[in-house]
Amino acid sequence: MIDMKERLLLKSETIPIIPKHVRFEFNEVRKEWVLLAPERALYPDKIAIAVLKKCDGKVSIQMIGKELAEIYKAPVEKIIEDIIVMLQDLADKGFLKEC
């Protein structure tokens, strides 16, 4: 269960980063991207991979959304909203933190 006092609440201004105890890498054997944490593994889809590659602690969710909106020809507001939902779920599970 998440302690609401310590829960990271993501906003468009948040600069996300994958913490040191989590690895985001391409698995050569399985030929797919994987997000690895102690005793846990997630296999993100194509869109999640595009977002996670940008979670380097240098750009905000808003900037990630703008870049992806151009690539996927979608409304920026909708892209940012979807990114926040996805990353919030990962943050709640310990796969992501704020820089």
Protein backbone atom coordinates (compact mmCIF):
# COMPACT_ATOMS: atom_id res chain seq x y z
CA MET A 1 0.00 0.00 0.00
CA ILE A 2 1.19 3.51 -0.82
CA ASP A 3 1.81 5.92 2.02
CA MET A 4 -0.08 8.99 0.78
CA LYS A 5 2.30 11.28 2.71
CA GLU A 6 5.22 10.03 0.61
CA ARG A 7 3.42 9.47 -2.70
CA LEU A 8 4.91 11.37 -5.61
CA LEU A 9 2.13 13.19 -7.46
CA LEU A 10 3.19 13.83 -11.02
CA LYS A 11 2.36 17.05 -12.86
CA SER A 12 3.28 18.29 -16.30
CA GLU A 13 6.22 20.20 -14.76
CA THR A 14 7.64 17.07 -13.10
CA ILE A 15 11.03 15.93 -14.39
CA PRO A 16 10.91 12.12 -14.20
CA ILE A 17 13.89 9.81 -13.88
CA ILE A 18 14.31 6.07 -13.53
CA PRO A 19 15.89 5.41 -10.10
CA LYS A 20 19.23 3.63 -9.70
CA HIS A 21 17.63 0.44 -8.38
CA VAL A 22 15.64 0.10 -11.63
CA ARG A 23 17.09 -0.83 -15.00
CA PHE A 24 15.47 -0.01 -18.33
CA GLU A 25 17.21 -2.03 -21.01
CA PHE A 26 16.81 -4.03 -24.18
CA ASN A 27 16.86 -7.78 -23.50
CA GLU A 28 18.85 -9.30 -26.36
CA VAL A 29 17.61 -12.83 -25.65
CA ARG A 30 13.91 -11.91 -25.70
CA LYS A 31 14.38 -9.09 -28.23
CA GLU A 32 12.29 -6.66 -26.19
CA TRP A 33 12.60 -3.78 -23.75
CA VAL A 34 12.24 -4.52 -20.05
CA LEU A 35 11.97 -2.43 -16.90
CA LEU A 36 13.65 -4.35 -14.07
CA ALA A 37 13.40 -3.71 -10.34
CA PRO A 38 14.21 -6.10 -7.50
CA GLU A 39 11.96 -9.14 -7.96
CA ARG A 40 9.84 -7.36 -10.59
CA ALA A 41 9.88 -6.97 -14.35
CA LEU A 42 7.64 -5.00 -16.69
CA TYR A 43 7.55 -5.30 -20.47
CA PRO A 44 6.41 -1.92 -21.81
CA ASP A 45 4.60 -1.43 -25.11
CA LYS A 46 5.91 0.74 -27.97
CA ILE A 47 4.45 3.99 -26.64
CA ALA A 48 5.66 3.35 -23.07
CA ILE A 49 9.14 2.64 -24.43
CA ALA A 50 9.14 6.00 -26.24
CA VAL A 51 8.17 7.76 -22.99
CA LEU A 52 10.61 5.83 -20.77
CA LYS A 53 13.54 6.56 -23.09
CA LYS A 54 12.95 10.26 -22.34
CA CYS A 55 12.80 9.84 -18.54
CA ASP A 56 16.44 10.84 -18.13
CA GLY A 57 16.07 13.50 -15.44
CA LYS A 58 16.61 16.31 -17.95
CA VAL A 59 13.17 17.05 -19.39
CA SER A 60 9.71 17.59 -17.94
CA ILE A 61 6.64 15.52 -18.70
CA GLN A 62 5.35 18.54 -20.61
CA MET A 63 8.42 18.55 -22.87
CA ILE A 64 8.15 14.79 -23.40
CA GLY A 65 4.51 15.26 -24.33
CA LYS A 66 5.31 17.99 -26.85
CA GLU A 67 7.95 15.84 -28.54
CA LEU A 68 5.68 12.80 -28.74
CA ALA A 69 2.70 14.88 -29.93
CA GLU A 70 4.77 15.95 -32.93
CA ILE A 71 5.85 12.38 -33.67
CA TYR A 72 2.41 10.81 -33.28
CA LYS A 73 0.41 13.79 -34.62
CA ALA A 74 -1.82 13.91 -31.55
CA PRO A 75 -3.08 16.73 -29.28
CA VAL A 76 -0.39 17.76 -26.78
CA GLU A 77 -2.85 17.97 -23.86
CA LYS A 78 -4.07 14.40 -24.44
CA ILE A 79 -0.52 13.05 -24.78
CA ILE A 80 0.57 14.77 -21.54
CA GLU A 81 -2.50 13.46 -19.73
CA ASP A 82 -1.78 9.89 -20.91
CA ILE A 83 1.91 10.18 -19.96
CA ILE A 84 1.03 11.37 -16.45
CA VAL A 85 -1.37 8.44 -15.95
CA MET A 86 1.23 5.92 -17.15
CA LEU A 87 4.14 7.40 -15.20
CA GLN A 88 2.05 7.84 -12.04
CA ASP A 89 1.35 4.11 -12.08
CA LEU A 90 5.07 3.40 -12.45
CA ALA A 91 5.97 5.89 -9.71
CA ASP A 92 3.42 4.30 -7.36
CA LYS A 93 5.13 0.93 -7.96
CA GLY A 94 8.63 2.34 -7.36
CA PHE A 95 9.79 2.24 -10.99
CA LEU A 96 10.09 6.02 -11.32
CA LYS A 97 10.95 9.09 -9.24
CA GLU A 98 11.22 12.85 -9.60
CA CYS A 99 14.60 14.34 -10.45
